[in-house]
Every structure is written in structure tokens, then in C-alpha cells.
Protein backbone atom coordinates (compact mmCIF):
# COMPACT_ATOMS: atom_id res chain seq x y z
CA MET A 1 9.39 49.51 62.68
CA THR A 2 7.06 48.55 59.85
CA ILE A 3 4.66 50.91 58.13
CA ASP A 4 1.69 49.16 59.91
CA GLN A 5 3.38 49.52 63.26
CA LEU A 6 3.96 53.26 62.50
CA TRP A 7 0.30 53.88 61.84
CA THR A 8 -0.59 52.17 65.17
CA ALA A 9 2.00 54.07 67.05
CA SER A 10 0.80 57.39 65.48
CA ALA A 11 -2.74 56.73 66.71
CA LEU A 12 -1.62 55.80 70.20
CA ILE A 13 0.53 58.84 70.51
CA LEU A 14 -2.00 61.25 69.17
CA ALA A 15 -4.88 59.80 71.26
CA PRO A 16 -4.33 61.58 74.59
CA PHE A 17 -3.63 64.91 72.81
CA PHE A 18 -6.86 64.60 70.99
CA GLY A 19 -8.64 63.72 74.13
CA SER A 20 -7.35 66.94 75.73
CA PHE A 21 -8.56 68.93 72.73
CA ILE A 22 -11.97 67.28 73.11
CA GLY A 23 -12.03 68.32 76.75
CA LEU A 24 -11.34 71.99 75.71
CA LEU A 25 -13.92 71.88 72.94
CA THR A 26 -16.71 70.43 75.07
CA LEU A 27 -16.25 73.31 77.63
CA ARG A 28 -15.78 76.10 75.24
CA LEU A 29 -18.13 75.51 72.31
CA PRO A 30 -21.24 75.36 74.30
CA ALA A 31 -20.23 78.51 76.22
CA ASP A 32 -19.43 80.19 72.99
CA ARG A 33 -15.84 80.90 74.18
CA PRO A 34 -12.94 81.15 71.74
CA TRP A 35 -10.99 77.88 71.40
CA ALA A 36 -8.85 78.38 68.22
CA MET A 37 -5.65 80.28 68.47
CA SER A 38 -6.11 80.97 72.31
CA ARG A 39 -3.89 79.90 75.05
CA SER A 40 -5.18 77.58 77.70
CA THR A 41 -5.53 79.05 81.14
CA CYS A 42 -6.62 77.95 84.60
CA ASP A 43 -10.35 78.88 84.91
CA THR A 44 -9.75 79.85 88.57
CA CYS A 45 -6.57 82.00 88.61
CA LYS A 46 -6.37 82.74 84.89
CA ARG A 47 -2.67 81.79 84.65
CA GLN A 48 -1.59 80.74 81.19
CA LEU A 49 -0.76 77.05 81.33
CA GLY A 50 2.76 76.02 80.49
CA VAL A 51 4.06 72.77 78.83
CA ILE A 52 4.29 71.04 82.22
CA ASP A 53 0.51 71.66 82.68
CA LEU A 54 -0.50 70.43 79.25
CA VAL A 55 1.01 66.91 78.83
CA PRO A 56 -2.06 64.66 78.54
CA LEU A 57 -2.60 62.06 81.29
CA VAL A 58 0.86 62.70 82.76
CA SER A 59 0.24 66.36 83.89
CA PHE A 60 -3.03 65.47 85.62
CA LEU A 61 -1.47 62.53 87.48
CA ALA A 62 1.76 64.48 88.36
CA LEU A 63 -0.18 67.52 89.58
CA ARG A 64 -2.66 65.30 91.43
CA GLY A 65 -5.57 66.97 89.62
CA ARG A 66 -4.83 70.48 90.91
CA CYS A 67 -3.51 73.73 89.41
CA ARG A 68 0.10 74.17 90.46
CA THR A 69 -0.44 77.86 91.13
CA CYS A 70 -3.85 78.16 92.96
CA GLY A 71 -4.52 74.61 93.84
CA ALA A 72 -7.96 74.62 92.09
CA ALA A 73 -9.26 71.24 90.96
CA ILE A 74 -8.68 70.41 87.33
CA PRO A 75 -11.88 68.94 85.76
CA TRP A 76 -11.79 65.18 85.75
CA ARG A 77 -13.31 65.35 82.23
CA TYR A 78 -9.77 65.85 80.78
CA LEU A 79 -8.41 62.71 82.28
CA LEU A 80 -11.50 60.71 81.23
CA LEU A 81 -11.57 62.06 77.74
CA GLU A 82 -7.84 61.55 77.28
CA GLY A 83 -8.03 57.97 78.58
CA GLY A 84 -11.18 57.39 76.47
CA CYS A 85 -9.32 58.44 73.27
CA LEU A 86 -6.49 56.16 74.09
CA LEU A 87 -8.87 53.27 74.62
CA ILE A 88 -10.40 54.09 71.25
CA ALA A 89 -6.89 53.96 69.63
CA LEU A 90 -6.21 50.61 71.25
CA TRP A 91 -9.58 49.27 70.11
CA SER A 92 -8.76 50.50 66.56
CA ALA A 93 -5.34 48.72 66.64
CA LEU A 94 -6.92 45.48 67.66
CA ALA A 95 -9.64 45.63 65.05
CA PHE A 96 -7.67 46.83 62.01
CA SER A 97 -4.14 47.24 60.54
CA GLY A 98 -2.32 49.69 58.52
CA ALA A 99 -3.64 53.19 57.73
CA THR A 100 -7.16 52.07 58.75
CA VAL A 101 -6.03 52.11 62.37
CA LEU A 102 -5.50 55.88 62.41
CA VAL A 103 -8.66 56.51 60.28
CA THR A 104 -10.68 54.37 62.66
CA ALA A 105 -9.27 56.24 65.73
CA VAL A 106 -10.04 59.63 64.19
CA PHE A 107 -13.53 58.33 63.46
CA GLY A 108 -13.99 57.31 67.07
CA TRP A 109 -12.52 60.54 68.56
CA MET A 110 -14.75 62.68 66.57
CA LEU A 111 -17.81 60.48 67.61
CA LEU A 112 -16.66 60.85 71.23
CA LEU A 113 -16.58 64.59 70.88
CA ILE A 114 -20.01 64.82 69.24
CA ALA A 115 -21.58 62.28 71.79
CA THR A 116 -20.16 64.24 74.76
CA VAL A 117 -21.53 67.60 73.58
CA ASP A 118 -25.00 66.11 72.79
CA ALA A 119 -25.08 64.11 76.18
CA GLU A 120 -24.27 67.28 78.14
CA HIS A 121 -26.23 69.89 76.25
CA LEU A 122 -28.64 68.23 73.79
CA TRP A 123 -26.87 70.10 71.02
CA LEU A 124 -25.42 68.84 67.64
CA PRO A 125 -23.68 71.93 66.17
CA ASP A 126 -23.05 71.98 62.38
CA ARG A 127 -19.61 73.09 63.08
CA LEU A 128 -18.89 69.59 64.28
CA THR A 129 -21.28 67.43 62.20
CA LEU A 130 -20.51 68.92 58.78
CA PRO A 131 -16.69 68.61 58.95
CA PHE A 132 -17.28 65.03 60.34
CA GLY A 133 -19.24 64.13 57.24
CA ALA A 134 -16.77 65.86 54.96
CA LEU A 135 -13.94 63.97 56.48
CA GLY A 136 -16.08 60.69 55.99
CA VAL A 137 -16.23 61.31 52.28
CA ILE A 138 -12.44 61.77 52.15
CA ALA A 139 -11.65 58.79 54.41
CA THR A 140 -14.01 56.43 52.57
CA LEU A 141 -12.52 57.24 49.12
CA ALA A 142 -9.01 57.09 50.46
CA ILE A 143 -9.19 53.63 52.15
CA GLY A 144 -11.82 51.82 50.22
CA GLU A 145 -12.03 50.99 46.57
CA VAL A 146 -15.50 52.39 46.15
CA PRO A 147 -17.04 54.72 43.53
CA ILE A 148 -17.04 58.43 44.40
CA TRP A 149 -20.78 58.48 44.75
CA THR A 150 -20.77 55.88 47.51
CA PRO A 151 -20.22 58.15 50.54
CA LEU A 152 -22.43 60.79 48.95
CA VAL A 153 -25.35 58.45 48.56
CA GLY A 154 -24.73 57.33 52.19
CA ALA A 155 -24.92 60.96 53.43
CA ALA A 156 -27.95 61.77 51.44
CA ALA A 157 -29.83 58.64 52.62
CA GLY A 158 -28.91 59.22 56.30
CA TYR A 159 -30.00 62.87 56.30
CA GLY A 160 -32.99 62.41 54.08
CA GLY A 161 -34.29 59.24 55.90
CA LEU A 162 -34.18 60.78 59.39
CA ALA A 163 -35.39 64.16 58.23
CA LEU A 164 -38.45 62.35 56.66
CA ILE A 165 -39.11 60.55 59.96
CA ALA A 166 -38.85 63.79 61.94
CA TRP A 167 -41.22 65.58 59.54
CA LEU A 168 -43.84 62.71 59.72
CA TYR A 169 -43.63 62.71 63.46
CA ARG A 170 -44.18 66.36 63.62
CA LYS A 171 -47.18 66.12 61.26
CA VAL A 172 -48.82 63.33 63.21
CA ARG A 173 -47.99 64.47 66.79
CA GLY A 174 -47.96 68.14 66.28
CA PHE A 175 -44.47 68.69 67.79
CA ASP A 176 -40.94 67.84 67.17
CA GLY A 177 -39.74 64.33 68.21
CA MET A 178 -36.03 65.04 67.61
CA GLY A 179 -33.57 67.73 67.26
CA GLY A 180 -32.72 69.32 64.04
CA GLY A 181 -28.99 68.17 64.33
CA ASP A 182 -29.93 64.51 64.37
CA PRO A 183 -30.64 64.09 60.63
CA ARG A 184 -27.40 65.97 59.79
CA LEU A 185 -25.41 63.68 62.12
CA LEU A 186 -26.84 60.59 60.58
CA GLY A 187 -26.04 61.98 57.18
CA ALA A 188 -22.47 62.46 58.27
CA ILE A 189 -22.33 58.98 59.61
CA GLY A 190 -23.77 57.74 56.25
CA ALA A 191 -20.71 59.25 54.61
CA TRP A 192 -18.58 56.84 56.66
CA VAL A 193 -20.59 53.63 56.78
CA GLY A 194 -22.47 53.91 53.46
CA TRP A 195 -26.21 53.51 53.01
CA GLN A 196 -26.01 49.77 53.75
CA GLY A 197 -24.78 50.50 57.26
CA LEU A 198 -27.44 53.06 58.16
CA PRO A 199 -30.14 50.58 59.32
CA SER A 200 -27.56 48.94 61.61
CA VAL A 201 -26.63 52.37 63.08
CA LEU A 202 -30.20 52.98 63.86
CA ILE A 203 -30.86 49.57 65.43
CA TRP A 204 -27.76 49.95 67.64
CA ALA A 205 -28.78 53.49 68.55
CA CYS A 206 -32.28 52.32 69.63
CA VAL A 207 -30.75 49.49 71.60
CA ALA A 208 -28.47 52.01 73.42
CA GLY A 209 -31.33 54.39 74.09
CA LEU A 210 -33.53 51.61 75.42
CA SER A 211 -30.79 50.38 77.66
CA VAL A 212 -30.37 53.87 79.18
CA ALA A 213 -34.14 54.16 79.71
CA ILE A 214 -34.29 50.74 81.32
CA ALA A 215 -31.30 51.44 83.53
CA GLN A 216 -33.00 54.70 84.65
CA ALA A 217 -36.15 52.77 85.40
CA LEU A 218 -34.31 50.20 87.47
CA VAL A 219 -32.79 52.92 89.74
CA ARG A 220 -36.23 54.53 89.92
CA ARG A 221 -35.37 57.50 87.74
CA ARG A 222 -38.12 57.31 85.20
CA LEU A 223 -38.20 59.73 82.35
CA ALA A 224 -40.43 62.73 82.97
CA ALA A 225 -43.03 63.71 80.39
CA GLY A 226 -41.28 65.77 77.76
CA GLN A 227 -37.68 64.73 78.95
CA GLN A 228 -35.39 64.44 76.05
CA LEU A 229 -32.58 61.92 75.49
CA PRO A 230 -29.49 62.70 73.61
CA PHE A 231 -30.28 60.60 70.37
CA GLY A 232 -26.99 61.97 68.81
CA THR A 233 -25.11 60.16 71.54
CA PHE A 234 -26.85 56.81 70.75
CA LEU A 235 -26.26 57.42 67.06
CA ALA A 236 -22.52 57.78 67.77
CA VAL A 237 -22.66 54.40 69.63
CA GLY A 238 -24.42 52.78 66.64
CA ALA A 239 -21.94 54.40 64.15
CA TRP A 240 -18.93 53.04 66.21
CA LEU A 241 -20.26 49.52 66.37
CA THR A 242 -21.30 49.37 62.69
CA TRP A 243 -17.93 50.60 61.59
CA LEU A 244 -16.16 47.95 63.67
CA TRP A 245 -18.38 44.93 62.96
CA GLY A 246 -20.12 46.00 59.76
CA PRO A 247 -23.86 45.89 58.92
CA LEU A 248 -25.88 43.56 61.05
CA HIS A 249 -27.26 41.65 58.07
CA ALA A 250 -23.64 40.76 57.13
CA LEU A 251 -23.02 39.37 60.63
CA TRP A 252 -26.29 37.26 60.68
CA GLY A 253 -25.70 36.06 57.11
């Protein structure tokens, strides 16, 4: 096995386990339940789960989506998130080679975690966005021959630009137009894609948001006045597409 193949295999093997961890975090973080250094248990019968219960993808299918003790249904989110992380790893392997495959997979997995939490709770906690940004600085410097200030400028531009837009909106309209976590998320994304990629992230995010709004209108589920959309989820989509394909101006050029 070559080094490049080893990086790809690592991403594919780790993917379902990271997906299982995402499933745990997306349930426990919003509920303010402990997630570090705590054993997984069945939410119904409270039995501590063993190895046979915790093998990603395989356990769910083998147990037919039921707890083997009490028969309670295992949330489908685990299977979907584990499968989603595996798809992200496969996409990463098709798009890149070498260590960049694993770096891209980790980038996608963290975006999936952040997007899921925001979509379900309209919440972008600093405990997710700040480590994501710090990892972006490390990853950018590790895999790219760029000056040390490049990811820092990207982070500052992402946070400052969106924070300024939010401030102007509040001044003009008299109320907040976006959550406080959105600028910090875009700052973290800027550490990964650089300041050059930020306009593309915002364009893709707007396209994704408009697509959701149009889809809701088509099924006669128009947005109610004051209803919020998870902009962080759309930013995650924009970040993923920008990382894969680069800034839009480069594609059009």
C-alpha cells in the first residue's frame, strides 16, 4: 500500500466512527449533557452499550435499528450521519490525493456537525466554531505553501465582514438579522479557504438558502414572518463547495 493509499484508507475507516461521534454530539450538546469521558447508554433502558452496539453502520443494521436489551428504536440519525461521513470521505478521495484526502474529510465532517446543530437548533456554539477555525489555521499551514498570516487574514476578513453586515442591518432595521454565531463561523471558514474564497462561500450559501426557500414555497410552506433560516448550515454548504472547487472567479476565469 502506498502512502497516498494509506491516507485514503485512513479517511474511509475513520469516517463512520466520526459520524457516530457527530450523532452523539448533536444530541448531547444542545441538551447540555456530558459527552466527554462518559459511556454511551441506551436512552430508554439506560444500559451501558458494549462493543457489539457501537460498531458504526454494522451495529445498526445487525440489530435492525433496535436496542438488543429493551427493543427501543435507535435514532436513525446515527445511521444517516455515519453514512454521510463515509460519503464525505469518498468525495474527498475522488477530489484529492495524499494527506489532503484526510484533511478534506475532517473539514467536511466538522462542517456536517456544525450544519446539523444549526439546522436543528439555530445554534452555532463557540465550542464548535472556534476549534474549527484553529484547526483551519493548522491545516492550511500544513498542506499549503502559504505565509503564516494567510489563514489569519482569512479568519479576520470572514468574521469582520459578516459582523459589519450584521451591525449595519441592526442599525437600519432596528433588530438582528442573523445570529451572533454566524460571523464567527465565517471567520473559522476563512481560516480554511482564505479571504479570496469568502465571496464564493457567501454566494453558494445564498444559493442554498434561496433553494430551500423556493422548495418550501413549491410545497406551499411559505416562511412565516420572523421565521429564521439556519444560515450557518448554508455557510457550511458554501464552504464545502469552495474548498472542493476553489473560488468562483477562478472557475469562470
